């Protein structure tokens, strides 16, 4: 991943009480659609590697794993989405 490439960096989270109920797709679709409307540029995020459900969600929205690293004993994965189209949540629903 070239350092000089421009990305919109995403940082999100959900209340634990709202997770595991299908809310992630709706919430993340809203975030992604807003970013696409405001910026037409690739997106990047970093997620704790143990958060498998979040990683599956991000992959569903077209993010690819590009880097894994450890910080203070915790493993992280950086993911990017270089293209604007994805097969995730359909905003027309």
C-alpha atoms as a PDB file:
ATOM      1  CA  UNK A   1       0.000   0.000   0.000  1.00  0.00           C
ATOM      2  CA  UNK A   2       1.734   3.207  -1.116  1.00  0.00           C
ATOM      3  CA  UNK A   3       1.980   5.771   1.677  1.00  0.00           C
ATOM      4  CA  UNK A   4       1.173   8.714  -0.589  1.00  0.00           C
ATOM      5  CA  UNK A   5      -2.155   7.228  -1.735  1.00  0.00           C
ATOM      6  CA  UNK A   6      -5.148   9.131  -0.388  1.00  0.00           C
ATOM      7  CA  UNK A   7      -7.765   7.310   1.653  1.00  0.00           C
ATOM      8  CA  UNK A   8     -10.711   8.262   3.774  1.00  0.00           C
ATOM      9  CA  UNK A   9      -9.922   6.634   7.126  1.00  0.00           C
ATOM     10  CA  UNK A  10     -12.963   5.130   8.829  1.00  0.00           C
ATOM     11  CA  UNK A  11     -13.387   4.547  12.544  1.00  0.00           C
ATOM     12  CA  UNK A  12     -16.714   3.148  13.729  1.00  0.00           C
ATOM     13  CA  UNK A  13     -18.194   1.232  16.609  1.00  0.00           C
ATOM     14  CA  UNK A  14     -21.553  -0.004  17.826  1.00  0.00           C
ATOM     15  CA  UNK A  15     -23.006  -0.377  21.279  1.00  0.00           C
ATOM     16  CA  UNK A  16     -22.521  -3.999  22.328  1.00  0.00           C
ATOM     17  CA  UNK A  17     -26.287  -4.321  22.929  1.00  0.00           C
ATOM     18  CA  UNK A  18     -26.890  -3.630  19.211  1.00  0.00           C
ATOM     19  CA  UNK A  19     -24.391  -6.145  17.833  1.00  0.00           C
ATOM     20  CA  UNK A  20     -25.304  -9.595  16.524  1.00  0.00           C
ATOM     21  CA  UNK A  21     -28.764  -8.482  15.367  1.00  0.00           C
ATOM     22  CA  UNK A  22     -28.068  -7.545  11.746  1.00  0.00           C
ATOM     23  CA  UNK A  23     -27.669  -3.841  12.532  1.00  0.00           C
ATOM     24  CA  UNK A  24     -24.060  -3.774  11.343  1.00  0.00           C
ATOM     25  CA  UNK A  25     -24.945  -4.005   7.650  1.00  0.00           C
ATOM     26  CA  UNK A  26     -27.499  -1.192   7.826  1.00  0.00           C
ATOM     27  CA  UNK A  27     -25.202   1.017   9.900  1.00  0.00           C
ATOM     28  CA  UNK A  28     -22.103   0.395   7.785  1.00  0.00           C
ATOM     29  CA  UNK A  29     -24.057   0.884   4.535  1.00  0.00           C
ATOM     30  CA  UNK A  30     -25.130   4.300   5.806  1.00  0.00           C
ATOM     31  CA  UNK A  31     -21.522   5.224   6.621  1.00  0.00           C
ATOM     32  CA  UNK A  32     -20.183   3.933   3.280  1.00  0.00           C
ATOM     33  CA  UNK A  33     -22.908   5.640   1.245  1.00  0.00           C
ATOM     34  CA  UNK A  34     -22.304   8.956   3.000  1.00  0.00           C
ATOM     35  CA  UNK A  35     -18.562   8.744   2.351  1.00  0.00           C
ATOM     36  CA  UNK A  36     -19.150   7.865  -1.313  1.00  0.00           C
ATOM     37  CA  UNK A  37     -21.447  10.873  -1.733  1.00  0.00           C
ATOM     38  CA  UNK A  38     -18.953  13.262  -0.125  1.00  0.00           C
ATOM     39  CA  UNK A  39     -15.625  11.809  -1.320  1.00  0.00           C
ATOM     40  CA  UNK A  40     -14.871   9.674  -4.329  1.00  0.00           C
ATOM     41  CA  UNK A  41     -11.734   8.123  -2.926  1.00  0.00           C
ATOM     42  CA  UNK A  42     -10.646   4.749  -1.533  1.00  0.00           C
ATOM     43  CA  UNK A  43     -11.454   3.952   2.109  1.00  0.00           C
ATOM     44  CA  UNK A  44      -9.287   2.405   4.813  1.00  0.00           C
ATOM     45  CA  UNK A  45      -9.963   1.045   8.295  1.00  0.00           C
ATOM     46  CA  UNK A  46      -8.157  -0.871  10.999  1.00  0.00           C
ATOM     47  CA  UNK A  47      -9.889  -3.531  13.079  1.00  0.00           C
ATOM     48  CA  UNK A  48      -8.774  -5.763  15.935  1.00  0.00           C
ATOM     49  CA  UNK A  49      -8.024  -9.129  14.325  1.00  0.00           C
ATOM     50  CA  UNK A  50     -10.079 -11.003  16.956  1.00  0.00           C
ATOM     51  CA  UNK A  51     -13.206  -9.153  15.751  1.00  0.00           C
ATOM     52  CA  UNK A  52     -14.112 -11.758  13.114  1.00  0.00           C
ATOM     53  CA  UNK A  53     -17.719 -10.577  12.706  1.00  0.00           C
ATOM     54  CA  UNK A  54     -16.592  -7.054  11.858  1.00  0.00           C
ATOM     55  CA  UNK A  55     -13.991  -8.363   9.409  1.00  0.00           C
ATOM     56  CA  UNK A  56     -16.658 -10.452   7.636  1.00  0.00           C
ATOM     57  CA  UNK A  57     -18.894  -7.371   7.441  1.00  0.00           C
ATOM     58  CA  UNK A  58     -16.103  -5.243   5.968  1.00  0.00           C
ATOM     59  CA  UNK A  59     -15.286  -7.968   3.424  1.00  0.00           C
ATOM     60  CA  UNK A  60     -18.972  -8.062   2.460  1.00  0.00           C
ATOM     61  CA  UNK A  61     -18.659  -4.365   1.635  1.00  0.00           C
ATOM     62  CA  UNK A  62     -15.626  -4.898  -0.581  1.00  0.00           C
ATOM     63  CA  UNK A  63     -12.767  -4.269   1.850  1.00  0.00           C
ATOM     64  CA  UNK A  64      -9.605  -6.344   1.433  1.00  0.00           C
ATOM     65  CA  UNK A  65      -7.006  -7.157   4.071  1.00  0.00           C
ATOM     66  CA  UNK A  66      -3.746  -5.394   3.251  1.00  0.00           C
ATOM     67  CA  UNK A  67      -1.731  -5.354   6.467  1.00  0.00           C
ATOM     68  CA  UNK A  68      -1.531  -7.108   9.824  1.00  0.00           C
ATOM     69  CA  UNK A  69       0.398  -5.704  12.763  1.00  0.00           C
ATOM     70  CA  UNK A  70       0.673  -5.896  16.532  1.00  0.00           C
ATOM     71  CA  UNK A  71       0.426  -2.937  18.867  1.00  0.00           C
ATOM     72  CA  UNK A  72       0.813  -3.328  22.626  1.00  0.00           C
ATOM     73  CA  UNK A  73       0.102  -7.041  22.426  1.00  0.00           C
ATOM     74  CA  UNK A  74      -3.050  -6.755  20.295  1.00  0.00           C
ATOM     75  CA  UNK A  75      -3.176  -7.903  16.671  1.00  0.00           C
ATOM     76  CA  UNK A  76      -4.789  -5.566  14.136  1.00  0.00           C
ATOM     77  CA  UNK A  77      -5.751  -5.846  10.478  1.00  0.00           C
ATOM     78  CA  UNK A  78      -5.825  -2.888   8.105  1.00  0.00           C
ATOM     79  CA  UNK A  79      -8.347  -3.184   5.287  1.00  0.00           C
ATOM     80  CA  UNK A  80      -8.915  -1.023   2.221  1.00  0.00           C
ATOM     81  CA  UNK A  81     -11.628  -0.616  -0.354  1.00  0.00           C
ATOM     82  CA  UNK A  82     -10.172   0.768  -3.551  1.00  0.00           C
ATOM     83  CA  UNK A  83     -13.332   0.585  -5.658  1.00  0.00           C
ATOM     84  CA  UNK A  84     -16.695   2.262  -5.182  1.00  0.00           C
ATOM     85  CA  UNK A  85     -18.940  -0.648  -6.121  1.00  0.00           C
ATOM     86  CA  UNK A  86     -19.604  -3.444  -3.657  1.00  0.00           C
ATOM     87  CA  UNK A  87     -21.919  -6.395  -3.214  1.00  0.00           C
ATOM     88  CA  UNK A  88     -22.856  -5.468   0.340  1.00  0.00           C
ATOM     89  CA  UNK A  89     -26.055  -3.930   1.615  1.00  0.00           C
ATOM     90  CA  UNK A  90     -28.239  -2.543  -1.157  1.00  0.00           C
ATOM     91  CA  UNK A  91     -29.014   1.084  -0.353  1.00  0.00           C
ATOM     92  CA  UNK A  92     -32.211   0.804  -2.417  1.00  0.00           C
ATOM     93  CA  UNK A  93     -33.830  -1.559   0.116  1.00  0.00           C
END
